[in-house]
C-alpha cells in the first residue's frame, strides 16, 4: 500500500464526512440548546482539522532525505500527532468549562427525535471512519493516521454518551452538563494517549521484547563466541528505523577483525529485519553501569 496515497485518501474522506456531520450535529445542538450535542459537533469539526493536519504531514514526511535532514522527514508524522493532541486538549478544556457553568446554573435541556436520529447517524459513521483509519494506520505504520483514528473513535464514544443522556434527559435535569464533562474527560484521555505515543517515538525507545528476540535470533548462528547482544535502543524515523546495540568480543581480536564482525552482523540485521543498525564493541570482561 502506497503510504502517501493512503494518507491523502484517509484525510480527504475524513474531512468531507466530518464536515457534513458537524453541520448536522451543530444544527441539532442549536435547535435543542444542548451543550453536550453542540460540544459533540465541535469535536467532529476538530476531526476535520486533524485530518487536514494528517494530509499536510503525509506531504511533508514523504520528502526524500537531504543534506540538512539525512534521516528523512518521516518524523513530521509524530509532530502532526502532537498538533492533534494539543487541539483535542483545548477542545476538552472548553467543554469542561461550559459543562461546569451549566451545572452551577441548574440549566436543563429538552431533546427530541431530531437529536436521537442525528446522534445515531454520528455513532455509526464515526466508528466506520475510525475502523478505516486504524486499518490504514496498521498497513502504513503512520502514527498520525492512527491518532486520527482515535479522534474518530472518541467522537463515536462521545456520541454514545450523548445518546444515553438523551434517553434519560426527562428524569435528570443535570444530564446534559454531566455528559459534556464526561466527553471532555474522554478527550483528555485521547490527548494523553496520542501525545505519549508520538513523544516516545520522537525521544527514542527501547525496542520491544519481540523485536529484541528477532534480532538475537537473526545473529545467533554467526560463528563467534557468545556475543551477548545488549543495550538496545531504537530511533524511529518513520521511513526507516535506526537501531544501536552492544556486543562483546574477545580482548585479543584486532580492530580490523572486530570491525568485520560488527559489519557482518549489521548486514544480517538489515537483510533479515530491514533495520539499519550501528554496533558498539566491548571487551568480554567490560560492564557498563547501565548493562
C-alpha atoms as a PDB file:
ATOM      1  CA  UNK A   1       0.000   0.000   0.000  1.00  0.00           C
ATOM      2  CA  UNK A   2       1.417   3.374  -1.037  1.00  0.00           C
ATOM      3  CA  UNK A   3       1.847   5.254   2.246  1.00  0.00           C
ATOM      4  CA  UNK A   4       1.433   8.791   0.909  1.00  0.00           C
ATOM      5  CA  UNK A   5      -1.581   7.972  -1.262  1.00  0.00           C
ATOM      6  CA  UNK A   6      -3.295   6.103   1.601  1.00  0.00           C
ATOM      7  CA  UNK A   7      -2.718   9.079   3.912  1.00  0.00           C
ATOM      8  CA  UNK A   8      -4.177  11.549   1.408  1.00  0.00           C
ATOM      9  CA  UNK A   9      -7.229   9.342   0.848  1.00  0.00           C
ATOM     10  CA  UNK A  10      -7.931   8.804   4.562  1.00  0.00           C
ATOM     11  CA  UNK A  11      -7.536  12.502   5.292  1.00  0.00           C
ATOM     12  CA  UNK A  12      -9.741  13.630   2.396  1.00  0.00           C
ATOM     13  CA  UNK A  13     -12.577  11.213   3.219  1.00  0.00           C
ATOM     14  CA  UNK A  14     -12.382  12.247   6.876  1.00  0.00           C
ATOM     15  CA  UNK A  15     -12.581  15.981   6.082  1.00  0.00           C
ATOM     16  CA  UNK A  16     -15.644  15.573   3.832  1.00  0.00           C
ATOM     17  CA  UNK A  17     -17.589  13.224   6.134  1.00  0.00           C
ATOM     18  CA  UNK A  18     -16.783  15.142   9.329  1.00  0.00           C
ATOM     19  CA  UNK A  19     -17.797  18.473   7.829  1.00  0.00           C
ATOM     20  CA  UNK A  20     -21.218  17.049   6.895  1.00  0.00           C
ATOM     21  CA  UNK A  21     -21.624  15.523  10.374  1.00  0.00           C
ATOM     22  CA  UNK A  22     -20.613  18.797  12.017  1.00  0.00           C
ATOM     23  CA  UNK A  23     -23.361  20.686  10.191  1.00  0.00           C
ATOM     24  CA  UNK A  24     -25.987  18.091  11.224  1.00  0.00           C
ATOM     25  CA  UNK A  25     -24.923  17.920  14.877  1.00  0.00           C
ATOM     26  CA  UNK A  26     -24.416  21.657  15.286  1.00  0.00           C
ATOM     27  CA  UNK A  27     -27.864  22.296  13.828  1.00  0.00           C
ATOM     28  CA  UNK A  28     -29.394  19.744  16.218  1.00  0.00           C
ATOM     29  CA  UNK A  29     -27.474  21.281  19.132  1.00  0.00           C
ATOM     30  CA  UNK A  30     -28.736  24.776  18.343  1.00  0.00           C
ATOM     31  CA  UNK A  31     -32.330  23.559  17.969  1.00  0.00           C
ATOM     32  CA  UNK A  32     -32.251  21.699  21.295  1.00  0.00           C
ATOM     33  CA  UNK A  33     -29.949  24.098  23.144  1.00  0.00           C
ATOM     34  CA  UNK A  34     -27.765  21.190  24.252  1.00  0.00           C
ATOM     35  CA  UNK A  35     -24.174  21.847  25.312  1.00  0.00           C
ATOM     36  CA  UNK A  36     -23.343  18.142  25.018  1.00  0.00           C
ATOM     37  CA  UNK A  37     -24.664  17.924  21.462  1.00  0.00           C
ATOM     38  CA  UNK A  38     -23.013  21.202  20.430  1.00  0.00           C
ATOM     39  CA  UNK A  39     -19.744  20.103  22.045  1.00  0.00           C
ATOM     40  CA  UNK A  40     -20.008  16.830  20.167  1.00  0.00           C
ATOM     41  CA  UNK A  41     -20.440  18.831  16.940  1.00  0.00           C
ATOM     42  CA  UNK A  42     -17.266  20.840  17.553  1.00  0.00           C
ATOM     43  CA  UNK A  43     -15.466  17.620  18.428  1.00  0.00           C
ATOM     44  CA  UNK A  44     -16.473  16.339  14.994  1.00  0.00           C
ATOM     45  CA  UNK A  45     -15.234  19.531  13.317  1.00  0.00           C
ATOM     46  CA  UNK A  46     -11.921  19.133  15.126  1.00  0.00           C
ATOM     47  CA  UNK A  47     -11.647  15.754  13.385  1.00  0.00           C
ATOM     48  CA  UNK A  48     -11.707  17.610  10.079  1.00  0.00           C
ATOM     49  CA  UNK A  49      -8.929  19.899  11.284  1.00  0.00           C
ATOM     50  CA  UNK A  50      -6.845  16.948  12.487  1.00  0.00           C
ATOM     51  CA  UNK A  51      -7.357  15.217   9.138  1.00  0.00           C
ATOM     52  CA  UNK A  52      -6.087  18.312   7.348  1.00  0.00           C
ATOM     53  CA  UNK A  53      -3.015  18.121   9.587  1.00  0.00           C
ATOM     54  CA  UNK A  54      -2.638  14.455   8.581  1.00  0.00           C
ATOM     55  CA  UNK A  55      -2.732  15.375   4.872  1.00  0.00           C
ATOM     56  CA  UNK A  56      -0.078  18.086   5.355  1.00  0.00           C
ATOM     57  CA  UNK A  57       2.073  15.720   7.464  1.00  0.00           C
ATOM     58  CA  UNK A  58       1.911  12.985   4.823  1.00  0.00           C
ATOM     59  CA  UNK A  59       3.061  15.505   2.225  1.00  0.00           C
ATOM     60  CA  UNK A  60       5.965  16.713   4.367  1.00  0.00           C
ATOM     61  CA  UNK A  61       7.037  13.269   5.620  1.00  0.00           C
ATOM     62  CA  UNK A  62       7.174  11.823   2.091  1.00  0.00           C
ATOM     63  CA  UNK A  63      10.014  14.182   1.117  1.00  0.00           C
ATOM     64  CA  UNK A  64      13.313  12.442   0.403  1.00  0.00           C
ATOM     65  CA  UNK A  65      16.351  12.800   2.724  1.00  0.00           C
ATOM     66  CA  UNK A  66      18.561  15.799   2.024  1.00  0.00           C
ATOM     67  CA  UNK A  67      21.783  17.317   3.353  1.00  0.00           C
ATOM     68  CA  UNK A  68      20.011  19.075   6.222  1.00  0.00           C
ATOM     69  CA  UNK A  69      17.861  16.045   7.061  1.00  0.00           C
ATOM     70  CA  UNK A  70      19.879  12.879   6.304  1.00  0.00           C
ATOM     71  CA  UNK A  71      17.349  10.658   8.112  1.00  0.00           C
ATOM     72  CA  UNK A  72      14.453  11.931   6.025  1.00  0.00           C
ATOM     73  CA  UNK A  73      11.324  13.860   7.061  1.00  0.00           C
ATOM     74  CA  UNK A  74       9.225  10.999   8.430  1.00  0.00           C
ATOM     75  CA  UNK A  75       9.017  12.437  11.939  1.00  0.00           C
ATOM     76  CA  UNK A  76       6.603  15.067  10.655  1.00  0.00           C
ATOM     77  CA  UNK A  77       4.015  12.354  11.354  1.00  0.00           C
ATOM     78  CA  UNK A  78       4.818  12.438  15.088  1.00  0.00           C
ATOM     79  CA  UNK A  79       4.827  16.233  15.066  1.00  0.00           C
ATOM     80  CA  UNK A  80       1.390  16.179  13.406  1.00  0.00           C
ATOM     81  CA  UNK A  81       0.136  13.777  16.074  1.00  0.00           C
ATOM     82  CA  UNK A  82       1.257  16.259  18.757  1.00  0.00           C
ATOM     83  CA  UNK A  83      -0.672  19.040  16.990  1.00  0.00           C
ATOM     84  CA  UNK A  84      -3.771  16.822  17.012  1.00  0.00           C
ATOM     85  CA  UNK A  85      -3.295  16.056  20.720  1.00  0.00           C
ATOM     86  CA  UNK A  86      -2.907  19.764  21.515  1.00  0.00           C
ATOM     87  CA  UNK A  87      -6.080  20.560  19.574  1.00  0.00           C
ATOM     88  CA  UNK A  88      -8.009  17.863  21.444  1.00  0.00           C
ATOM     89  CA  UNK A  89      -6.785  19.180  24.797  1.00  0.00           C
ATOM     90  CA  UNK A  90      -8.012  22.724  24.062  1.00  0.00           C
ATOM     91  CA  UNK A  91     -11.441  21.456  22.980  1.00  0.00           C
ATOM     92  CA  UNK A  92     -11.689  19.234  26.076  1.00  0.00           C
ATOM     93  CA  UNK A  93     -10.944  22.134  28.418  1.00  0.00           C
ATOM     94  CA  UNK A  94     -13.537  24.355  26.750  1.00  0.00           C
ATOM     95  CA  UNK A  95     -16.271  21.700  27.013  1.00  0.00           C
ATOM     96  CA  UNK A  96     -15.458  21.041  30.659  1.00  0.00           C
ATOM     97  CA  UNK A  97     -15.693  24.751  31.465  1.00  0.00           C
ATOM     98  CA  UNK A  98     -19.100  25.114  29.744  1.00  0.00           C
ATOM     99  CA  UNK A  99     -20.435  21.998  31.467  1.00  0.00           C
ATOM    100  CA  UNK A 100     -19.453  23.278  34.918  1.00  0.00           C
ATOM    101  CA  UNK A 101     -21.129  26.630  34.234  1.00  0.00           C
ATOM    102  CA  UNK A 102     -24.323  24.924  33.063  1.00  0.00           C
ATOM    103  CA  UNK A 103     -24.388  22.674  36.143  1.00  0.00           C
ATOM    104  CA  UNK A 104     -23.914  25.622  38.530  1.00  0.00           C
ATOM    105  CA  UNK A 105     -26.802  27.456  36.833  1.00  0.00           C
ATOM    106  CA  UNK A 106     -29.091  24.376  37.099  1.00  0.00           C
ATOM    107  CA  UNK A 107     -29.791  24.530  33.364  1.00  0.00           C
ATOM    108  CA  UNK A 108     -31.623  21.618  31.730  1.00  0.00           C
ATOM    109  CA  UNK A 109     -32.067  20.648  28.073  1.00  0.00           C
ATOM    110  CA  UNK A 110     -35.065  19.286  26.150  1.00  0.00           C
ATOM    111  CA  UNK A 111     -34.135  16.758  23.487  1.00  0.00           C
ATOM    112  CA  UNK A 112     -36.322  15.412  20.694  1.00  0.00           C
ATOM    113  CA  UNK A 113     -36.401  12.922  17.836  1.00  0.00           C
ATOM    114  CA  UNK A 114     -34.037  15.089  15.794  1.00  0.00           C
ATOM    115  CA  UNK A 115     -31.284  14.765  18.395  1.00  0.00           C
ATOM    116  CA  UNK A 116     -31.716  10.974  18.595  1.00  0.00           C
ATOM    117  CA  UNK A 117     -31.561  10.448  14.821  1.00  0.00           C
ATOM    118  CA  UNK A 118     -28.544  12.727  14.314  1.00  0.00           C
ATOM    119  CA  UNK A 119     -26.671  11.115  17.203  1.00  0.00           C
ATOM    120  CA  UNK A 120     -27.264   7.557  15.956  1.00  0.00           C
ATOM    121  CA  UNK A 121     -26.068   8.538  12.466  1.00  0.00           C
ATOM    122  CA  UNK A 122     -22.955  10.072  14.018  1.00  0.00           C
ATOM    123  CA  UNK A 123     -22.131   6.940  16.042  1.00  0.00           C
ATOM    124  CA  UNK A 124     -22.319   4.649  13.003  1.00  0.00           C
ATOM    125  CA  UNK A 125     -20.411   6.919  10.639  1.00  0.00           C
ATOM    126  CA  UNK A 126     -17.667   7.862  13.111  1.00  0.00           C
ATOM    127  CA  UNK A 127     -16.948   4.273  14.124  1.00  0.00           C
ATOM    128  CA  UNK A 128     -16.731   3.343  10.434  1.00  0.00           C
ATOM    129  CA  UNK A 129     -14.212   6.170   9.912  1.00  0.00           C
ATOM    130  CA  UNK A 130     -12.236   5.013  12.968  1.00  0.00           C
ATOM    131  CA  UNK A 131     -12.012   1.449  11.677  1.00  0.00           C
ATOM    132  CA  UNK A 132     -10.880   2.712   8.271  1.00  0.00           C
ATOM    133  CA  UNK A 133      -8.189   4.952   9.817  1.00  0.00           C
ATOM    134  CA  UNK A 134      -6.941   2.134  12.069  1.00  0.00           C
ATOM    135  CA  UNK A 135      -6.726  -0.159   9.027  1.00  0.00           C
ATOM    136  CA  UNK A 136      -4.708   2.400   7.048  1.00  0.00           C
ATOM    137  CA  UNK A 137      -2.572   3.121  10.109  1.00  0.00           C
ATOM    138  CA  UNK A 138      -1.720  -0.576  10.553  1.00  0.00           C
ATOM    139  CA  UNK A 139      -0.889  -1.025   6.882  1.00  0.00           C
ATOM    140  CA  UNK A 140       1.346   2.063   6.679  1.00  0.00           C
ATOM    141  CA  UNK A 141       2.531   2.321  10.328  1.00  0.00           C
ATOM    142  CA  UNK A 142       1.596   6.010  10.216  1.00  0.00           C
ATOM    143  CA  UNK A 143       1.195   7.334  13.776  1.00  0.00           C
ATOM    144  CA  UNK A 144      -0.676  10.488  12.695  1.00  0.00           C
ATOM    145  CA  UNK A 145      -3.315   8.388  10.868  1.00  0.00           C
ATOM    146  CA  UNK A 146      -3.624   6.199  13.981  1.00  0.00           C
ATOM    147  CA  UNK A 147      -4.103   9.378  16.016  1.00  0.00           C
ATOM    148  CA  UNK A 148      -6.791  10.466  13.562  1.00  0.00           C
ATOM    149  CA  UNK A 149      -8.462   7.073  14.072  1.00  0.00           C
ATOM    150  CA  UNK A 150      -8.535   7.629  17.829  1.00  0.00           C
ATOM    151  CA  UNK A 151     -10.008  11.058  17.202  1.00  0.00           C
ATOM    152  CA  UNK A 152     -12.829   9.382  15.248  1.00  0.00           C
ATOM    153  CA  UNK A 153     -13.248   6.729  17.964  1.00  0.00           C
ATOM    154  CA  UNK A 154     -13.553   9.283  20.780  1.00  0.00           C
ATOM    155  CA  UNK A 155     -16.157  11.138  18.724  1.00  0.00           C
ATOM    156  CA  UNK A 156     -18.169   7.920  18.330  1.00  0.00           C
ATOM    157  CA  UNK A 157     -17.901   7.225  22.071  1.00  0.00           C
ATOM    158  CA  UNK A 158     -18.928  10.759  22.965  1.00  0.00           C
ATOM    159  CA  UNK A 159     -21.962  10.399  20.694  1.00  0.00           C
ATOM    160  CA  UNK A 160     -22.908   7.182  22.510  1.00  0.00           C
ATOM    161  CA  UNK A 161     -22.728   9.063  25.815  1.00  0.00           C
ATOM    162  CA  UNK A 162     -24.894  11.834  24.349  1.00  0.00           C
ATOM    163  CA  UNK A 163     -27.454   9.277  23.138  1.00  0.00           C
ATOM    164  CA  UNK A 164     -27.679   7.733  26.616  1.00  0.00           C
ATOM    165  CA  UNK A 165     -28.173  11.185  28.073  1.00  0.00           C
ATOM    166  CA  UNK A 166     -30.938  11.991  25.585  1.00  0.00           C
ATOM    167  CA  UNK A 167     -32.845   8.880  26.644  1.00  0.00           C
ATOM    168  CA  UNK A 168     -32.671   9.887  30.330  1.00  0.00           C
ATOM    169  CA  UNK A 169     -32.977  13.659  29.938  1.00  0.00           C
ATOM    170  CA  UNK A 170     -36.532  13.812  31.303  1.00  0.00           C
ATOM    171  CA  UNK A 171     -35.522  12.077  34.533  1.00  0.00           C
ATOM    172  CA  UNK A 172     -32.387  14.098  35.349  1.00  0.00           C
ATOM    173  CA  UNK A 173     -32.113  17.865  34.788  1.00  0.00           C
ATOM    174  CA  UNK A 174     -28.315  17.744  35.132  1.00  0.00           C
ATOM    175  CA  UNK A 175     -27.722  15.070  32.487  1.00  0.00           C
ATOM    176  CA  UNK A 176     -26.545  17.442  29.726  1.00  0.00           C
ATOM    177  CA  UNK A 177     -23.865  19.148  31.832  1.00  0.00           C
ATOM    178  CA  UNK A 178     -22.626  15.814  33.210  1.00  0.00           C
ATOM    179  CA  UNK A 179     -22.456  14.390  29.680  1.00  0.00           C
ATOM    180  CA  UNK A 180     -20.491  17.417  28.488  1.00  0.00           C
ATOM    181  CA  UNK A 181     -17.980  16.888  31.320  1.00  0.00           C
ATOM    182  CA  UNK A 182     -17.755  13.157  30.519  1.00  0.00           C
ATOM    183  CA  UNK A 183     -16.960  13.893  26.876  1.00  0.00           C
ATOM    184  CA  UNK A 184     -14.247  16.332  27.923  1.00  0.00           C
ATOM    185  CA  UNK A 185     -12.568  13.651  30.073  1.00  0.00           C
ATOM    186  CA  UNK A 186     -12.661  11.242  27.111  1.00  0.00           C
ATOM    187  CA  UNK A 187     -10.919  13.899  25.058  1.00  0.00           C
ATOM    188  CA  UNK A 188      -8.297  14.473  27.756  1.00  0.00           C
ATOM    189  CA  UNK A 189      -7.544  10.726  27.792  1.00  0.00           C
ATOM    190  CA  UNK A 190      -7.253  10.608  23.995  1.00  0.00           C
ATOM    191  CA  UNK A 191      -4.921  13.625  24.186  1.00  0.00           C
ATOM    192  CA  UNK A 192      -2.693  11.774  26.644  1.00  0.00           C
ATOM    193  CA  UNK A 193      -2.547   8.565  24.592  1.00  0.00           C
ATOM    194  CA  UNK A 194      -1.784  10.313  21.297  1.00  0.00           C
ATOM    195  CA  UNK A 195       0.857  12.609  22.797  1.00  0.00           C
ATOM    196  CA  UNK A 196       2.505   9.749  24.709  1.00  0.00           C
ATOM    197  CA  UNK A 197       2.990   7.596  21.602  1.00  0.00           C
ATOM    198  CA  UNK A 198       4.294  10.494  19.498  1.00  0.00           C
ATOM    199  CA  UNK A 199       6.714  11.731  22.185  1.00  0.00           C
ATOM    200  CA  UNK A 200       8.063   8.223  22.834  1.00  0.00           C
ATOM    201  CA  UNK A 201       8.863   7.813  19.141  1.00  0.00           C
ATOM    202  CA  UNK A 202      10.482  11.250  18.943  1.00  0.00           C
ATOM    203  CA  UNK A 203      12.661  10.662  22.014  1.00  0.00           C
ATOM    204  CA  UNK A 204      13.770   7.158  21.040  1.00  0.00           C
ATOM    205  CA  UNK A 205      12.613   3.905  22.555  1.00  0.00           C
ATOM    206  CA  UNK A 206      13.832   0.651  23.998  1.00  0.00           C
ATOM    207  CA  UNK A 207      12.773  -1.984  21.445  1.00  0.00           C
ATOM    208  CA  UNK A 208      10.006  -4.344  22.499  1.00  0.00           C
ATOM    209  CA  UNK A 209      10.950  -7.828  23.716  1.00  0.00           C
ATOM    210  CA  UNK A 210       9.621  -9.383  20.500  1.00  0.00           C
ATOM    211  CA  UNK A 211      11.926  -7.269  18.323  1.00  0.00           C
ATOM    212  CA  UNK A 212      14.913  -7.949  20.592  1.00  0.00           C
ATOM    213  CA  UNK A 213      14.307 -11.689  20.277  1.00  0.00           C
ATOM    214  CA  UNK A 214      14.126 -11.396  16.489  1.00  0.00           C
ATOM    215  CA  UNK A 215      17.444  -9.534  16.461  1.00  0.00           C
ATOM    216  CA  UNK A 216      19.116 -12.109  18.708  1.00  0.00           C
ATOM    217  CA  UNK A 217      17.741 -14.992  16.652  1.00  0.00           C
ATOM    218  CA  UNK A 218      18.939 -13.393  13.417  1.00  0.00           C
ATOM    219  CA  UNK A 219      22.576 -13.327  14.612  1.00  0.00           C
ATOM    220  CA  UNK A 220      22.733 -16.427  16.823  1.00  0.00           C
ATOM    221  CA  UNK A 221      24.203 -18.544  14.021  1.00  0.00           C
ATOM    222  CA  UNK A 222      27.066 -16.126  13.411  1.00  0.00           C
ATOM    223  CA  UNK A 223      30.208 -18.123  14.233  1.00  0.00           C
ATOM    224  CA  UNK A 224      31.662 -16.151  17.146  1.00  0.00           C
ATOM    225  CA  UNK A 225      31.844 -16.940  20.851  1.00  0.00           C
ATOM    226  CA  UNK A 226      28.978 -15.565  22.930  1.00  0.00           C
ATOM    227  CA  UNK A 227      28.337 -12.076  21.557  1.00  0.00           C
ATOM    228  CA  UNK A 228      25.919 -11.211  24.359  1.00  0.00           C
ATOM    229  CA  UNK A 229      23.982  -8.549  22.395  1.00  0.00           C
ATOM    230  CA  UNK A 230      22.572  -5.990  24.828  1.00  0.00           C
ATOM    231  CA  UNK A 231      21.897  -2.294  25.491  1.00  0.00           C
ATOM    232  CA  UNK A 232      19.348  -1.982  22.655  1.00  0.00           C
ATOM    233  CA  UNK A 233      17.979   1.388  21.594  1.00  0.00           C
ATOM    234  CA  UNK A 234      15.871   2.262  18.569  1.00  0.00           C
ATOM    235  CA  UNK A 235      15.134   5.572  16.869  1.00  0.00           C
ATOM    236  CA  UNK A 236      12.054   5.677  14.674  1.00  0.00           C
ATOM    237  CA  UNK A 237      12.319   7.916  11.614  1.00  0.00           C
ATOM    238  CA  UNK A 238       9.055   6.510  10.204  1.00  0.00           C
ATOM    239  CA  UNK A 239      10.551   5.862   6.771  1.00  0.00           C
ATOM    240  CA  UNK A 240      13.172   3.691   8.430  1.00  0.00           C
ATOM    241  CA  UNK A 241      14.497   2.739  11.872  1.00  0.00           C
ATOM    242  CA  UNK A 242      17.972   3.203  13.333  1.00  0.00           C
ATOM    243  CA  UNK A 243      18.996   0.560  15.867  1.00  0.00           C
ATOM    244  CA  UNK A 244      22.011   0.637  18.188  1.00  0.00           C
ATOM    245  CA  UNK A 245      23.220  -2.158  20.450  1.00  0.00           C
ATOM    246  CA  UNK A 246      26.383  -3.542  22.059  1.00  0.00           C
ATOM    247  CA  UNK A 247      28.204  -6.841  21.600  1.00  0.00           C
ATOM    248  CA  UNK A 248      31.132  -8.381  23.485  1.00  0.00           C
ATOM    249  CA  UNK A 249      34.243  -9.722  21.747  1.00  0.00           C
ATOM    250  CA  UNK A 250      37.487 -11.329  22.916  1.00  0.00           C
ATOM    251  CA  UNK A 251      40.129  -8.849  24.020  1.00  0.00           C
ATOM    252  CA  UNK A 252      42.815 -10.217  21.692  1.00  0.00           C
ATOM    253  CA  UNK A 253      40.914  -9.505  18.451  1.00  0.00           C
ATOM    254  CA  UNK A 254      42.317  -6.807  16.198  1.00  0.00           C
ATOM    255  CA  UNK A 255      40.397  -3.660  15.301  1.00  0.00           C
ATOM    256  CA  UNK A 256      40.012  -4.964  11.769  1.00  0.00           C
ATOM    257  CA  UNK A 257      38.605  -8.309  12.971  1.00  0.00           C
ATOM    258  CA  UNK A 258      36.186  -6.595  15.372  1.00  0.00           C
ATOM    259  CA  UNK A 259      35.048  -4.204  12.644  1.00  0.00           C
ATOM    260  CA  UNK A 260      34.385  -7.091  10.256  1.00  0.00           C
ATOM    261  CA  UNK A 261      32.280  -8.939  12.846  1.00  0.00           C
ATOM    262  CA  UNK A 262      30.225  -5.824  13.632  1.00  0.00           C
ATOM    263  CA  UNK A 263      29.710  -5.051   9.935  1.00  0.00           C
ATOM    264  CA  UNK A 264      28.663  -8.622   9.186  1.00  0.00           C
ATOM    265  CA  UNK A 265      26.091  -8.537  11.983  1.00  0.00           C
ATOM    266  CA  UNK A 266      24.768  -5.154  10.809  1.00  0.00           C
ATOM    267  CA  UNK A 267      24.303  -6.657   7.336  1.00  0.00           C
ATOM    268  CA  UNK A 268      22.475  -9.676   8.771  1.00  0.00           C
ATOM    269  CA  UNK A 269      20.078  -7.480  10.772  1.00  0.00           C
ATOM    270  CA  UNK A 270      19.338  -5.335   7.724  1.00  0.00           C
ATOM    271  CA  UNK A 271      18.762  -8.275   5.376  1.00  0.00           C
ATOM    272  CA  UNK A 272      16.508 -10.172   7.799  1.00  0.00           C
ATOM    273  CA  UNK A 273      14.671  -7.321   9.547  1.00  0.00           C
ATOM    274  CA  UNK A 274      15.127  -4.289   7.278  1.00  0.00           C
ATOM    275  CA  UNK A 275      16.571  -2.236  10.153  1.00  0.00           C
ATOM    276  CA  UNK A 276      19.747  -0.155   9.886  1.00  0.00           C
ATOM    277  CA  UNK A 277      21.916  -0.893  12.926  1.00  0.00           C
ATOM    278  CA  UNK A 278      25.068   0.505  14.499  1.00  0.00           C
ATOM    279  CA  UNK A 279      27.020  -1.795  16.816  1.00  0.00           C
ATOM    280  CA  UNK A 280      29.268  -0.812  19.714  1.00  0.00           C
ATOM    281  CA  UNK A 281      32.001  -3.323  20.583  1.00  0.00           C
ATOM    282  CA  UNK A 282      33.055  -4.091  24.172  1.00  0.00           C
ATOM    283  CA  UNK A 283      35.711  -6.370  25.699  1.00  0.00           C
ATOM    284  CA  UNK A 284      34.303  -9.577  27.206  1.00  0.00           C
ATOM    285  CA  UNK A 285      35.050  -8.539  30.787  1.00  0.00           C
ATOM    286  CA  UNK A 286      33.711  -4.980  30.491  1.00  0.00           C
ATOM    287  CA  UNK A 287      30.423  -3.876  32.057  1.00  0.00           C
ATOM    288  CA  UNK A 288      28.556  -0.599  31.572  1.00  0.00           C
ATOM    289  CA  UNK A 289      26.775   0.879  34.577  1.00  0.00           C
ATOM    290  CA  UNK A 290      23.563   0.638  32.529  1.00  0.00           C
ATOM    291  CA  UNK A 291      24.116  -3.014  31.497  1.00  0.00           C
END
